[in-house]
Each structure stands twice: as C-alpha cells, then as structure tokens.
Amino acid sequence: MKFRGKPNTVIIDRKARRQIGRYAENGVFETTDPYYINKFKAARVPIVTEEAIIPPTDPKPETAKSFYCKTYKLPFDSQGDFLKHTRTAEHKAKKEEKK
C-alpha cells in the first residue's frame, strides 16, 4: 500500500525506536507490512492511488549570482571574491574619500 508524505522525510517507528523507511522524491512510501499499514491508517496518513502519483520534478538550476562593487564599478562572480576586494586597504581608502 502506498502512502503520501513530505518528500525525502524519514519515517521512524517510535515504539521500536528505529527507521522504517523514507518518503521518496515524489512523496510516496510503499509498504506491504500489515503492522505498518494499520498504523498509517490509524494515523490518517493519506493513501495514494496509482493515478495520483506525481513524478519528481527537476531541481531548479542555480543561477550564478553576480556581486557588484559600487565604488570601483566592478562585477564579481562569487561573494568571496567580492568580500576579499572590499576588505583591501585601497578600497577602504577610496570609500572614505567619497564621503
């Protein structure tokens, strides 16, 4: 029998204090054990029908963030490079001149 839950969530049997399984990427957990089927039904966990199974979605591709120095008008690919640039003595001196 298939049950619906939050995707990638671990299912723990509190009585036995161990992991039963995990909801799949599409949020479905399948078991044939009558003990766990009765426990899930008693807890009113939604039962999944075959047509209600949603295929897993592809994760969104990460977009490259660009960081921009307003003082020198320079773009940076990573936050680390940008912070390294802003901590230099020349950058701090030029920033003080603008004030």
N, C-alpha and C. Protein backbone atom coordinates (compact mmCIF):
# COMPACT_ATOMS: atom_id res chain seq x y z
N MET A 1 0.85 -1.16 0.00
CA MET A 1 0.00 0.00 0.00
C MET A 1 0.90 1.24 0.00
N LYS A 2 0.48 2.26 -0.68
CA LYS A 2 1.28 3.47 -0.82
C LYS A 2 0.66 4.60 -0.01
N PHE A 3 1.52 5.37 0.66
CA PHE A 3 1.09 6.49 1.48
C PHE A 3 1.83 7.75 1.05
N ARG A 4 1.16 8.88 1.20
CA ARG A 4 1.73 10.16 0.79
C ARG A 4 2.27 10.91 2.01
N GLY A 5 3.39 11.58 1.81
CA GLY A 5 4.01 12.38 2.86
C GLY A 5 4.95 13.40 2.25
N LYS A 6 5.65 14.11 3.10
CA LYS A 6 6.60 15.11 2.64
C LYS A 6 7.81 14.40 2.02
N PRO A 7 8.21 14.77 0.79
CA PRO A 7 9.31 14.09 0.10
C PRO A 7 10.60 14.09 0.92
N ASN A 8 11.32 12.97 0.84
CA ASN A 8 12.63 12.77 1.48
C ASN A 8 12.59 12.84 3.00
N THR A 9 11.43 12.62 3.60
CA THR A 9 11.31 12.63 5.05
C THR A 9 11.49 11.21 5.59
N VAL A 10 12.23 11.08 6.66
CA VAL A 10 12.47 9.78 7.27
C VAL A 10 11.25 9.40 8.11
N ILE A 11 10.85 8.12 8.06
CA ILE A 11 9.73 7.62 8.84
C ILE A 11 10.32 6.78 9.97
N ILE A 12 9.97 7.12 11.22
CA ILE A 12 10.53 6.45 12.38
C ILE A 12 9.42 5.75 13.16
N ASP A 13 9.66 4.49 13.53
CA ASP A 13 8.75 3.76 14.41
C ASP A 13 9.15 4.12 15.84
N ARG A 14 8.29 4.87 16.53
CA ARG A 14 8.64 5.34 17.87
C ARG A 14 8.69 4.21 18.89
N LYS A 15 7.88 3.19 18.68
CA LYS A 15 7.85 2.07 19.61
C LYS A 15 9.15 1.27 19.52
N ALA A 16 9.58 0.95 18.32
CA ALA A 16 10.80 0.18 18.11
C ALA A 16 12.04 1.06 18.12
N ARG A 17 11.85 2.37 18.03
CA ARG A 17 12.95 3.35 18.00
C ARG A 17 13.94 3.07 16.88
N ARG A 18 13.39 2.92 15.70
CA ARG A 18 14.25 2.70 14.54
C ARG A 18 13.57 3.27 13.30
N GLN A 19 14.36 3.41 12.25
CA GLN A 19 13.86 3.97 11.00
C GLN A 19 13.13 2.88 10.21
N ILE A 20 11.90 3.20 9.79
CA ILE A 20 11.11 2.28 8.97
C ILE A 20 11.49 2.45 7.51
N GLY A 21 11.55 3.67 7.09
CA GLY A 21 11.82 3.96 5.68
C GLY A 21 11.90 5.45 5.45
N ARG A 22 11.68 5.83 4.21
CA ARG A 22 11.77 7.24 3.83
C ARG A 22 10.80 7.48 2.67
N TYR A 23 10.12 8.63 2.71
CA TYR A 23 9.28 9.01 1.58
C TYR A 23 10.18 9.29 0.39
N ALA A 24 9.80 8.85 -0.78
CA ALA A 24 10.61 9.00 -1.99
C ALA A 24 10.60 10.45 -2.47
N GLU A 25 11.29 10.70 -3.57
CA GLU A 25 11.36 12.04 -4.16
C GLU A 25 9.97 12.58 -4.50
N ASN A 26 9.06 11.69 -4.88
CA ASN A 26 7.71 12.14 -5.22
C ASN A 26 6.77 12.12 -4.02
N GLY A 27 7.28 11.85 -2.82
CA GLY A 27 6.48 11.90 -1.61
C GLY A 27 5.66 10.66 -1.34
N VAL A 28 6.07 9.51 -1.89
CA VAL A 28 5.31 8.27 -1.72
C VAL A 28 6.16 7.26 -0.95
N PHE A 29 5.51 6.59 0.01
CA PHE A 29 6.15 5.49 0.75
C PHE A 29 5.31 4.25 0.55
N GLU A 30 5.95 3.16 0.12
CA GLU A 30 5.23 1.93 -0.15
C GLU A 30 5.65 0.86 0.84
N THR A 31 4.66 0.17 1.44
CA THR A 31 4.94 -0.91 2.36
C THR A 31 3.93 -2.04 2.16
N THR A 32 4.37 -3.26 2.46
CA THR A 32 3.47 -4.41 2.40
C THR A 32 3.25 -4.99 3.79
N ASP A 33 3.92 -4.42 4.80
CA ASP A 33 3.81 -4.91 6.17
C ASP A 33 2.45 -4.51 6.76
N PRO A 34 1.60 -5.48 7.14
CA PRO A 34 0.27 -5.15 7.65
C PRO A 34 0.32 -4.34 8.95
N TYR A 35 1.36 -4.54 9.76
CA TYR A 35 1.50 -3.78 11.01
C TYR A 35 1.62 -2.28 10.71
N TYR A 36 2.48 -1.93 9.77
CA TYR A 36 2.68 -0.52 9.43
C TYR A 36 1.51 0.05 8.63
N ILE A 37 0.87 -0.78 7.82
CA ILE A 37 -0.32 -0.32 7.09
C ILE A 37 -1.40 0.10 8.07
N ASN A 38 -1.64 -0.72 9.10
CA ASN A 38 -2.64 -0.38 10.12
C ASN A 38 -2.25 0.88 10.90
N LYS A 39 -0.96 1.02 11.21
CA LYS A 39 -0.50 2.21 11.94
C LYS A 39 -0.71 3.48 11.09
N PHE A 40 -0.38 3.41 9.81
CA PHE A 40 -0.55 4.57 8.93
C PHE A 40 -2.02 4.92 8.77
N LYS A 41 -2.88 3.90 8.64
CA LYS A 41 -4.32 4.15 8.51
C LYS A 41 -4.88 4.77 9.78
N ALA A 42 -4.42 4.29 10.95
CA ALA A 42 -4.88 4.83 12.23
C ALA A 42 -4.44 6.28 12.40
N ALA A 43 -3.28 6.61 11.86
CA ALA A 43 -2.77 7.98 11.95
C ALA A 43 -3.34 8.87 10.85
N ARG A 44 -4.20 8.30 10.00
CA ARG A 44 -4.85 9.01 8.90
C ARG A 44 -3.87 9.62 7.91
N VAL A 45 -2.84 8.87 7.60
CA VAL A 45 -1.88 9.27 6.56
C VAL A 45 -2.57 9.04 5.23
N PRO A 46 -2.53 10.03 4.31
CA PRO A 46 -3.22 9.88 3.02
C PRO A 46 -2.73 8.68 2.22
N ILE A 47 -3.67 7.91 1.69
CA ILE A 47 -3.36 6.76 0.84
C ILE A 47 -3.28 7.24 -0.60
N VAL A 48 -2.31 6.71 -1.34
CA VAL A 48 -2.07 7.15 -2.71
C VAL A 48 -2.67 6.14 -3.68
N THR A 49 -3.41 6.66 -4.65
CA THR A 49 -3.87 5.82 -5.74
C THR A 49 -2.87 5.93 -6.87
N GLU A 50 -2.90 5.01 -7.80
CA GLU A 50 -1.91 4.97 -8.88
C GLU A 50 -1.91 6.24 -9.73
N GLU A 51 -3.08 6.81 -9.99
CA GLU A 51 -3.13 8.00 -10.85
C GLU A 51 -2.74 9.27 -10.10
N ALA A 52 -2.66 9.20 -8.78
CA ALA A 52 -2.33 10.39 -8.00
C ALA A 52 -0.83 10.57 -7.78
N ILE A 53 -0.02 9.62 -8.25
CA ILE A 53 1.42 9.73 -8.05
C ILE A 53 1.97 10.81 -8.97
N ILE A 54 2.67 11.75 -8.37
CA ILE A 54 3.26 12.86 -9.11
C ILE A 54 4.72 12.54 -9.37
N PRO A 55 5.18 12.61 -10.61
CA PRO A 55 6.59 12.33 -10.87
C PRO A 55 7.47 13.40 -10.23
N PRO A 56 8.69 13.05 -9.83
CA PRO A 56 9.56 14.04 -9.21
C PRO A 56 9.92 15.15 -10.19
N THR A 57 9.99 16.35 -9.67
CA THR A 57 10.34 17.49 -10.51
C THR A 57 11.85 17.69 -10.51
N ASP A 58 12.35 18.24 -11.58
CA ASP A 58 13.77 18.53 -11.66
C ASP A 58 14.07 19.73 -10.79
N PRO A 59 15.17 19.70 -10.04
CA PRO A 59 15.51 20.86 -9.23
C PRO A 59 15.83 22.06 -10.11
N LYS A 60 15.55 23.22 -9.60
CA LYS A 60 15.81 24.44 -10.37
C LYS A 60 17.32 24.63 -10.52
N PRO A 61 17.76 24.97 -11.72
CA PRO A 61 19.19 25.21 -11.88
C PRO A 61 19.60 26.47 -11.12
N GLU A 62 20.73 26.36 -10.47
CA GLU A 62 21.21 27.50 -9.69
C GLU A 62 21.72 28.58 -10.64
N THR A 63 21.24 29.77 -10.43
CA THR A 63 21.71 30.87 -11.25
C THR A 63 22.92 31.49 -10.58
N ALA A 64 23.88 31.86 -11.38
CA ALA A 64 25.09 32.47 -10.83
C ALA A 64 24.78 33.89 -10.37
N LYS A 65 24.99 34.14 -9.10
CA LYS A 65 24.77 35.49 -8.57
C LYS A 65 26.00 36.32 -8.92
N SER A 66 25.75 37.54 -9.26
CA SER A 66 26.89 38.43 -9.51
C SER A 66 26.86 39.52 -8.45
N PHE A 67 28.02 39.84 -7.94
CA PHE A 67 28.17 40.87 -6.93
C PHE A 67 28.86 42.05 -7.57
N TYR A 68 28.44 43.24 -7.18
CA TYR A 68 28.89 44.46 -7.86
C TYR A 68 29.45 45.45 -6.85
N CYS A 69 30.66 45.96 -7.12
CA CYS A 69 31.28 46.98 -6.27
C CYS A 69 30.87 48.35 -6.82
N LYS A 70 30.14 49.11 -6.01
CA LYS A 70 29.67 50.43 -6.44
C LYS A 70 30.82 51.44 -6.48
N THR A 71 31.83 51.25 -5.65
CA THR A 71 32.95 52.18 -5.59
C THR A 71 33.81 52.09 -6.84
N TYR A 72 34.21 50.89 -7.22
CA TYR A 72 35.07 50.68 -8.38
C TYR A 72 34.30 50.28 -9.63
N LYS A 73 33.00 50.04 -9.50
CA LYS A 73 32.14 49.61 -10.60
C LYS A 73 32.67 48.32 -11.25
N LEU A 74 32.95 47.33 -10.39
CA LEU A 74 33.47 46.04 -10.85
C LEU A 74 32.48 44.93 -10.50
N PRO A 75 32.21 44.01 -11.44
CA PRO A 75 31.38 42.84 -11.11
C PRO A 75 32.26 41.68 -10.61
N PHE A 76 31.70 40.88 -9.71
CA PHE A 76 32.40 39.69 -9.18
C PHE A 76 31.48 38.49 -9.30
N ASP A 77 32.07 37.33 -9.59
CA ASP A 77 31.30 36.11 -9.77
C ASP A 77 30.89 35.50 -8.44
N SER A 78 31.74 35.60 -7.43
CA SER A 78 31.43 34.96 -6.15
C SER A 78 31.45 36.00 -5.02
N GLN A 79 30.74 35.67 -3.97
CA GLN A 79 30.68 36.56 -2.82
C GLN A 79 32.04 36.64 -2.14
N GLY A 80 32.78 35.53 -2.15
CA GLY A 80 34.10 35.52 -1.53
C GLY A 80 35.06 36.50 -2.19
N ASP A 81 35.05 36.53 -3.53
CA ASP A 81 35.91 37.48 -4.25
C ASP A 81 35.50 38.91 -3.96
N PHE A 82 34.19 39.14 -3.90
CA PHE A 82 33.70 40.49 -3.63
C PHE A 82 34.12 40.94 -2.23
N LEU A 83 33.96 40.08 -1.22
CA LEU A 83 34.34 40.44 0.14
C LEU A 83 35.84 40.64 0.27
N LYS A 84 36.61 39.83 -0.43
CA LYS A 84 38.07 39.97 -0.44
C LYS A 84 38.46 41.34 -0.99
N HIS A 85 37.76 41.76 -2.05
CA HIS A 85 38.02 43.06 -2.66
C HIS A 85 37.66 44.21 -1.72
N THR A 86 36.52 44.09 -1.03
CA THR A 86 36.07 45.19 -0.17
C THR A 86 36.91 45.33 1.09
N ARG A 87 37.66 44.32 1.45
CA ARG A 87 38.48 44.39 2.67
C ARG A 87 39.88 44.94 2.43
N THR A 88 40.21 45.25 1.19
CA THR A 88 41.55 45.78 0.91
C THR A 88 41.66 47.22 1.39
N ALA A 89 42.87 47.64 1.69
CA ALA A 89 43.11 48.99 2.20
C ALA A 89 42.78 50.04 1.15
N GLU A 90 43.08 49.77 -0.13
CA GLU A 90 42.79 50.73 -1.19
C GLU A 90 41.30 50.98 -1.31
N HIS A 91 40.54 49.92 -1.21
CA HIS A 91 39.08 50.06 -1.32
C HIS A 91 38.54 50.89 -0.18
N LYS A 92 39.02 50.64 1.04
CA LYS A 92 38.55 51.38 2.20
C LYS A 92 38.95 52.85 2.11
N ALA A 93 40.17 53.12 1.59
CA ALA A 93 40.63 54.50 1.45
C ALA A 93 39.80 55.26 0.41
N LYS A 94 39.53 54.64 -0.71
CA LYS A 94 38.73 55.29 -1.75
C LYS A 94 37.31 55.54 -1.28
N LYS A 95 36.78 54.61 -0.50
CA LYS A 95 35.43 54.76 0.04
C LYS A 95 35.36 55.93 1.01
N GLU A 96 36.43 56.13 1.80
CA GLU A 96 36.49 57.26 2.74
C GLU A 96 36.59 58.60 1.99
N GLU A 97 37.29 58.61 0.84
CA GLU A 97 37.42 59.83 0.04
C GLU A 97 36.06 60.29 -0.49
N LYS A 98 35.21 59.33 -0.84
CA LYS A 98 33.90 59.68 -1.39
C LYS A 98 33.00 60.34 -0.37
N LYS A 99 33.20 60.03 0.91
CA LYS A 99 32.34 60.61 1.95
C LYS A 99 32.63 62.02 2.21
